[in-house]
Amino acid sequence: VLFGASAGLADQNDVRLDAMFNRLHELTDLREAQQIETAIWQVWGESGSATADLLLARGERAMAIRNLDVALDAFSALITLEPDFAEGWNKRATVFFMMGDLDASIADIERTLELAPRHFGALSGLGQIYVIMDRPKDAMNAYRRALAANPYLRGIRSTIEALQDQIGEQRI
């Protein structure tokens, strides 16, 4: 593995993240970019706490089977336990999105981005929400920020182009 995991809380300023994001911007190999993206998600998912890991896993399992109330409870407990763990906020934002509560999802995404400004997953989700809310300029901004963090995100460039066409913005 290019970037090994270490024990302990993966602070969102973890030096491993800087190395991974820097490498992501140097690459031309899509497969290696996908491996680095996976490694970034792994670092983001490191809580450093057995209890937090349990709550994260419980929430993820519940979310996967669309038991959204259980997922929401698990991620809310996780955030209470570890308020600076960005991935807890991101996961809860996803649950709120799945429940149709876009305002709550945006609020949790904003907190995720305060803690992890390069969180391309949160930025992509924010773009998706703004598309749903018919806010194409805000969506483009979120998607552009996501691409600035991870230039290998699939489908984002074409989405930005479609939004540019929608609002009559000239393509670059």
Protein backbone atom coordinates (compact mmCIF):
# COMPACT_ATOMS: atom_id res chain seq x y z
CA VAL A 1 0.00 0.00 0.00
CA LEU A 2 1.31 3.38 -0.99
CA PHE A 3 0.17 5.14 2.18
CA GLY A 4 -0.11 2.91 5.22
CA ALA A 5 -2.59 3.46 7.99
CA SER A 6 -1.43 4.18 11.49
CA ALA A 7 -3.12 3.85 14.82
CA GLY A 8 -4.77 6.82 16.44
CA LEU A 9 -7.14 9.55 15.40
CA ALA A 10 -6.74 10.59 11.80
CA ASP A 11 -6.67 14.31 12.31
CA GLN A 12 -7.95 15.94 9.14
CA ASN A 13 -4.59 17.69 8.94
CA ASP A 14 -2.84 14.30 9.01
CA VAL A 15 0.43 14.54 7.08
CA ARG A 16 -0.55 11.39 5.20
CA LEU A 17 -3.43 13.33 3.67
CA ASP A 18 -1.14 16.06 2.36
CA ALA A 19 1.07 13.44 0.71
CA MET A 20 -1.94 11.67 -0.80
CA PHE A 21 -3.57 14.83 -2.12
CA ASN A 22 -0.25 16.02 -3.54
CA ARG A 23 0.26 12.67 -5.28
CA LEU A 24 -3.30 12.74 -6.61
CA HIS A 25 -2.48 15.98 -8.44
CA GLU A 26 0.74 14.57 -9.94
CA LEU A 27 -0.79 11.43 -11.43
CA THR A 28 -1.76 10.45 -14.91
CA ASP A 29 -2.71 6.86 -14.00
CA LEU A 30 -6.41 6.47 -13.22
CA ARG A 31 -5.93 3.19 -11.37
CA GLU A 32 -3.35 4.68 -9.01
CA ALA A 33 -5.62 7.70 -8.50
CA GLN A 34 -8.45 5.37 -7.48
CA GLN A 35 -6.13 3.63 -5.01
CA ILE A 36 -5.14 6.95 -3.48
CA GLU A 37 -8.78 8.04 -3.30
CA THR A 38 -9.56 4.82 -1.41
CA ALA A 39 -6.63 5.47 0.93
CA ILE A 40 -7.88 9.01 1.60
CA TRP A 41 -11.31 7.63 2.52
CA GLN A 42 -9.61 5.15 4.85
CA VAL A 43 -7.75 7.94 6.65
CA TRP A 44 -10.94 9.99 6.90
CA GLY A 45 -12.61 6.96 8.51
CA GLU A 46 -10.01 6.55 11.28
CA SER A 47 -11.56 7.75 14.51
CA GLY A 48 -8.93 6.48 16.93
CA SER A 49 -11.63 5.40 19.37
CA ALA A 50 -13.14 1.93 19.70
CA THR A 51 -16.49 3.42 20.71
CA ALA A 52 -16.46 5.87 17.80
CA ASP A 53 -15.50 3.05 15.41
CA LEU A 54 -18.44 1.00 16.72
CA LEU A 55 -20.87 3.89 16.22
CA LEU A 56 -19.48 4.56 12.72
CA ALA A 57 -19.84 0.90 11.74
CA ARG A 58 -23.35 0.70 13.23
CA GLY A 59 -24.41 3.81 11.34
CA GLU A 60 -22.89 2.61 8.08
CA ARG A 61 -24.61 -0.79 8.37
CA ALA A 62 -27.95 0.87 9.12
CA MET A 63 -27.51 3.31 6.25
CA ALA A 64 -26.69 0.47 3.84
CA ILE A 65 -30.02 -1.23 4.58
CA ARG A 66 -31.84 2.15 4.63
CA ASN A 67 -32.63 1.96 8.35
CA LEU A 68 -32.18 5.71 8.46
CA ASP A 69 -33.45 6.38 11.98
CA VAL A 70 -30.87 3.96 13.43
CA ALA A 71 -28.16 5.44 11.19
CA LEU A 72 -29.08 8.96 12.27
CA ASP A 73 -28.95 7.98 15.95
CA ALA A 74 -25.57 6.28 15.52
CA PHE A 75 -23.99 9.20 13.67
CA SER A 76 -25.48 11.74 16.09
CA ALA A 77 -23.99 9.79 19.00
CA LEU A 78 -20.68 9.65 17.14
CA ILE A 79 -20.68 13.43 16.66
CA THR A 80 -21.47 13.94 20.34
CA LEU A 81 -18.58 11.65 21.29
CA GLU A 82 -16.09 13.00 18.71
CA PRO A 83 -17.26 16.48 17.58
CA ASP A 84 -14.05 17.08 15.60
CA PHE A 85 -14.30 13.82 13.62
CA ALA A 86 -15.26 15.13 10.18
CA GLU A 87 -16.43 11.79 8.83
CA GLY A 88 -19.12 11.57 11.51
CA TRP A 89 -20.58 14.84 10.24
CA ASN A 90 -20.24 13.70 6.63
CA LYS A 91 -22.04 10.43 7.28
CA ARG A 92 -24.85 12.17 9.13
CA ALA A 93 -25.13 14.66 6.24
CA THR A 94 -25.61 11.68 3.93
CA VAL A 95 -28.38 10.28 6.13
CA PHE A 96 -30.12 13.66 6.23
CA PHE A 97 -29.87 13.76 2.42
CA MET A 98 -31.37 10.27 2.17
CA MET A 99 -34.19 11.42 4.48
CA GLY A 100 -34.85 14.44 2.26
CA ASP A 101 -33.75 16.99 4.87
CA LEU A 102 -31.51 19.02 2.58
CA ASP A 103 -31.05 21.95 4.99
CA ALA A 104 -29.80 19.66 7.76
CA SER A 105 -27.56 17.91 5.24
CA ILE A 106 -26.06 21.23 4.15
CA ALA A 107 -25.43 22.22 7.78
CA ASP A 108 -23.54 18.97 8.44
CA ILE A 109 -21.61 19.29 5.17
CA GLU A 110 -20.56 22.80 6.19
CA ARG A 111 -19.26 21.40 9.49
CA THR A 112 -17.49 18.58 7.62
CA LEU A 113 -15.78 21.16 5.40
CA GLU A 114 -14.74 23.30 8.38
CA LEU A 115 -12.94 20.23 9.72
CA ALA A 116 -11.77 18.81 6.37
CA PRO A 117 -11.81 21.49 3.65
CA ARG A 118 -10.64 19.04 0.95
CA HIS A 119 -13.42 16.53 1.63
CA PHE A 120 -14.35 15.91 -1.98
CA GLY A 121 -17.16 13.56 -0.96
CA ALA A 122 -18.84 16.28 1.07
CA LEU A 123 -18.26 18.83 -1.69
CA SER A 124 -19.76 16.49 -4.30
CA GLY A 125 -22.76 15.91 -2.07
CA LEU A 126 -23.16 19.65 -1.62
CA GLY A 127 -23.14 20.07 -5.39
CA GLN A 128 -25.80 17.39 -5.74
CA ILE A 129 -27.99 19.11 -3.15
CA TYR A 130 -27.65 22.46 -4.91
CA VAL A 131 -28.66 20.85 -8.22
CA ILE A 132 -31.78 19.47 -6.52
CA MET A 133 -32.49 22.93 -5.03
CA ASP A 134 -32.10 24.49 -8.50
CA ARG A 135 -29.08 26.52 -7.43
CA PRO A 136 -26.78 25.84 -10.41
CA LYS A 137 -24.14 28.47 -9.60
CA ASP A 138 -23.75 27.13 -6.06
CA ALA A 139 -23.65 23.59 -7.45
CA MET A 140 -20.89 24.52 -9.91
CA ASN A 141 -18.89 26.15 -7.12
CA ALA A 142 -19.16 23.04 -4.94
CA TYR A 143 -18.27 20.73 -7.83
CA ARG A 144 -15.30 22.89 -8.81
CA ARG A 145 -14.03 22.78 -5.23
CA ALA A 146 -14.44 18.98 -5.26
CA LEU A 147 -12.42 18.75 -8.48
CA ALA A 148 -9.76 21.05 -7.06
CA ALA A 149 -9.35 18.55 -4.22
CA ASN A 150 -9.61 15.43 -6.40
CA PRO A 151 -9.21 15.91 -10.16
CA TYR A 152 -10.17 12.26 -10.75
CA LEU A 153 -13.78 12.46 -9.57
CA ARG A 154 -15.88 10.70 -12.15
CA GLY A 155 -18.69 12.56 -13.88
CA ILE A 156 -18.07 15.92 -12.23
CA ARG A 157 -16.63 17.70 -15.28
CA SER A 158 -19.60 16.77 -17.46
CA THR A 159 -21.96 17.85 -14.68
CA ILE A 160 -20.22 21.24 -14.49
CA GLU A 161 -20.50 21.59 -18.29
CA ALA A 162 -24.23 20.80 -18.15
CA LEU A 163 -24.67 23.41 -15.41
CA GLN A 164 -22.73 25.96 -17.45
CA ASP A 165 -25.05 25.30 -20.37
CA GLN A 166 -28.08 25.62 -18.05
CA ILE A 167 -27.11 29.08 -16.84
CA GLY A 168 -25.53 30.23 -20.11
CA GLU A 169 -21.99 30.47 -18.74
CA GLN A 170 -19.23 30.20 -21.28
CA ARG A 171 -17.18 27.04 -20.98
CA ILE A 172 -13.50 27.44 -20.29
